[in-house]
Amino acid sequence: QVQLVESGGGLVQPGGSLRLSCAASGSRSSFNYMGWYRQAPGKQRELVALSTRGGSPNYADSVKGRFTISRDDAKNMVTLQMNSLKPEDTAVYYCGVGAIAALGYWGQGTQITVSS
């Protein structure tokens, strides 16, 4: 059974930085894809960044140049470094993993609030 534990959420001022981490346990074949999605109030969950084992990451246009996803396959961890945060980045961020791009396992979610 795959389990994901997220950490690193919180409140930050516009222009600030935060780092999210997600530790995964379970079958390594479920970790081919590791990524982050977010859901703002009243909106659908959307892709933020997706990392493919051995491939190049994909980013939402809204975060390109500001967010960086990285993974440590030895530790089964994925992180999201978020810089130059904007109020519109406020959302619950979810870590997800999957054997395919349609991620099948999700963390509990962590709140990111960008506000002065």
Protein backbone atom coordinates (compact mmCIF):
# COMPACT_ATOMS: atom_id res chain seq x y z
CA GLN A 1 0.00 0.00 0.00
CA VAL A 2 1.30 3.41 -0.96
CA GLN A 3 1.40 6.13 1.68
CA LEU A 4 2.41 9.74 1.21
CA VAL A 5 3.34 12.20 3.94
CA GLU A 6 3.59 15.87 3.06
CA SER A 7 5.28 18.65 4.97
CA GLY A 8 6.22 22.29 4.55
CA GLY A 9 3.01 24.25 4.10
CA GLY A 10 2.16 27.52 5.76
CA LEU A 11 1.67 31.25 5.46
CA VAL A 12 4.07 33.39 3.45
CA GLN A 13 4.12 36.95 2.18
CA PRO A 14 3.98 37.69 -1.53
CA GLY A 15 7.41 37.31 -3.06
CA GLY A 16 8.44 34.80 -0.44
CA SER A 17 9.49 31.18 -0.73
CA LEU A 18 8.36 27.84 0.62
CA ARG A 19 9.49 24.29 0.16
CA LEU A 20 7.14 21.32 0.17
CA SER A 21 8.32 17.79 0.72
CA CYS A 22 6.59 14.47 0.25
CA ALA A 23 7.86 11.14 1.51
CA ALA A 24 6.44 8.05 -0.17
CA SER A 25 6.38 4.46 0.99
CA GLY A 26 5.19 1.36 -0.80
CA SER A 27 5.79 -0.21 -4.17
CA ARG A 28 8.49 1.63 -6.11
CA SER A 29 6.71 0.90 -9.36
CA SER A 30 4.04 3.31 -8.15
CA PHE A 31 6.57 6.13 -8.09
CA ASN A 32 7.32 6.38 -11.81
CA TYR A 33 5.46 9.67 -11.73
CA MET A 34 5.65 12.00 -8.74
CA GLY A 35 4.08 15.39 -8.70
CA TRP A 36 2.19 18.19 -7.09
CA TYR A 37 -1.33 19.39 -7.73
CA ARG A 38 -3.22 22.18 -6.05
CA GLN A 39 -6.81 23.15 -5.45
CA ALA A 40 -7.94 26.65 -4.64
CA PRO A 41 -11.37 27.36 -3.12
CA GLY A 42 -14.11 27.01 -5.71
CA LYS A 43 -11.72 25.69 -8.34
CA GLN A 44 -10.79 22.30 -9.72
CA ARG A 45 -7.60 20.55 -8.77
CA GLU A 46 -4.87 21.48 -11.22
CA LEU A 47 -1.41 20.25 -12.08
CA VAL A 48 1.46 22.27 -10.65
CA ALA A 49 4.46 20.12 -11.52
CA LEU A 50 5.06 16.52 -12.54
CA SER A 51 8.30 14.57 -12.47
CA THR A 52 8.87 11.42 -14.50
CA ARG A 53 11.55 8.96 -13.48
CA GLY A 54 14.40 9.59 -15.92
CA GLY A 55 12.55 12.33 -17.77
CA SER A 56 12.13 16.09 -17.79
CA PRO A 57 9.60 17.67 -15.45
CA ASN A 58 6.42 19.37 -16.61
CA TYR A 59 5.13 22.58 -15.08
CA ALA A 60 1.94 24.56 -15.25
CA ASP A 61 2.50 27.73 -17.23
CA SER A 62 1.54 29.77 -14.18
CA VAL A 63 4.49 28.47 -12.14
CA LYS A 64 7.22 28.12 -14.77
CA GLY A 65 10.36 29.92 -13.72
CA ARG A 66 9.20 30.17 -10.10
CA PHE A 67 8.68 26.58 -8.95
CA THR A 68 11.10 23.68 -9.17
CA ILE A 69 10.23 20.04 -8.66
CA SER A 70 12.91 17.56 -7.70
CA ARG A 71 12.96 13.94 -6.66
CA ASP A 72 15.23 11.63 -4.75
CA ASP A 73 14.51 8.12 -5.91
CA ALA A 74 16.81 6.61 -3.31
CA LYS A 75 14.64 8.14 -0.58
CA ASN A 76 11.33 8.01 -2.47
CA MET A 77 10.88 11.72 -1.95
CA VAL A 78 9.65 14.57 -4.11
CA THR A 79 10.01 18.24 -3.26
CA LEU A 80 8.60 21.44 -4.63
CA GLN A 81 10.62 24.61 -4.19
CA MET A 82 8.34 27.59 -4.60
CA ASN A 83 9.83 31.04 -5.10
CA SER A 84 8.34 34.43 -5.87
CA LEU A 85 5.02 33.31 -4.48
CA LYS A 86 1.89 35.19 -5.44
CA PRO A 87 -1.51 35.45 -3.77
CA GLU A 88 -2.95 33.39 -6.61
CA ASP A 89 -0.73 30.50 -5.52
CA THR A 90 -2.87 30.16 -2.41
CA ALA A 91 -4.36 26.67 -2.39
CA VAL A 92 -4.19 23.25 -0.83
CA TYR A 93 -1.25 21.46 -2.37
CA TYR A 94 -1.37 17.69 -2.85
CA CYS A 95 1.50 15.33 -3.46
CA GLY A 96 0.66 12.52 -5.83
CA VAL A 97 2.41 9.47 -7.24
CA GLY A 98 1.56 6.87 -9.80
CA ALA A 99 2.81 4.23 -12.16
CA ILE A 100 1.35 6.32 -14.97
CA ALA A 101 0.77 10.03 -15.40
CA ALA A 102 -2.79 9.69 -14.11
CA LEU A 103 -1.62 9.65 -10.52
CA GLY A 104 -3.33 7.12 -8.34
CA TYR A 105 -2.17 7.93 -4.84
CA TRP A 106 -2.44 11.20 -2.96
CA GLY A 107 -1.22 12.81 0.20
CA GLN A 108 -3.45 14.50 2.73
CA GLY A 109 -2.84 17.97 1.34
CA THR A 110 -1.10 20.96 2.85
CA GLN A 111 -2.34 24.55 2.89
CA ILE A 112 -0.28 27.28 1.29
CA THR A 113 -1.48 30.82 1.92
CA VAL A 114 0.24 33.76 0.26
CA SER A 115 -0.87 36.98 1.88
CA SER A 116 0.50 40.16 3.32
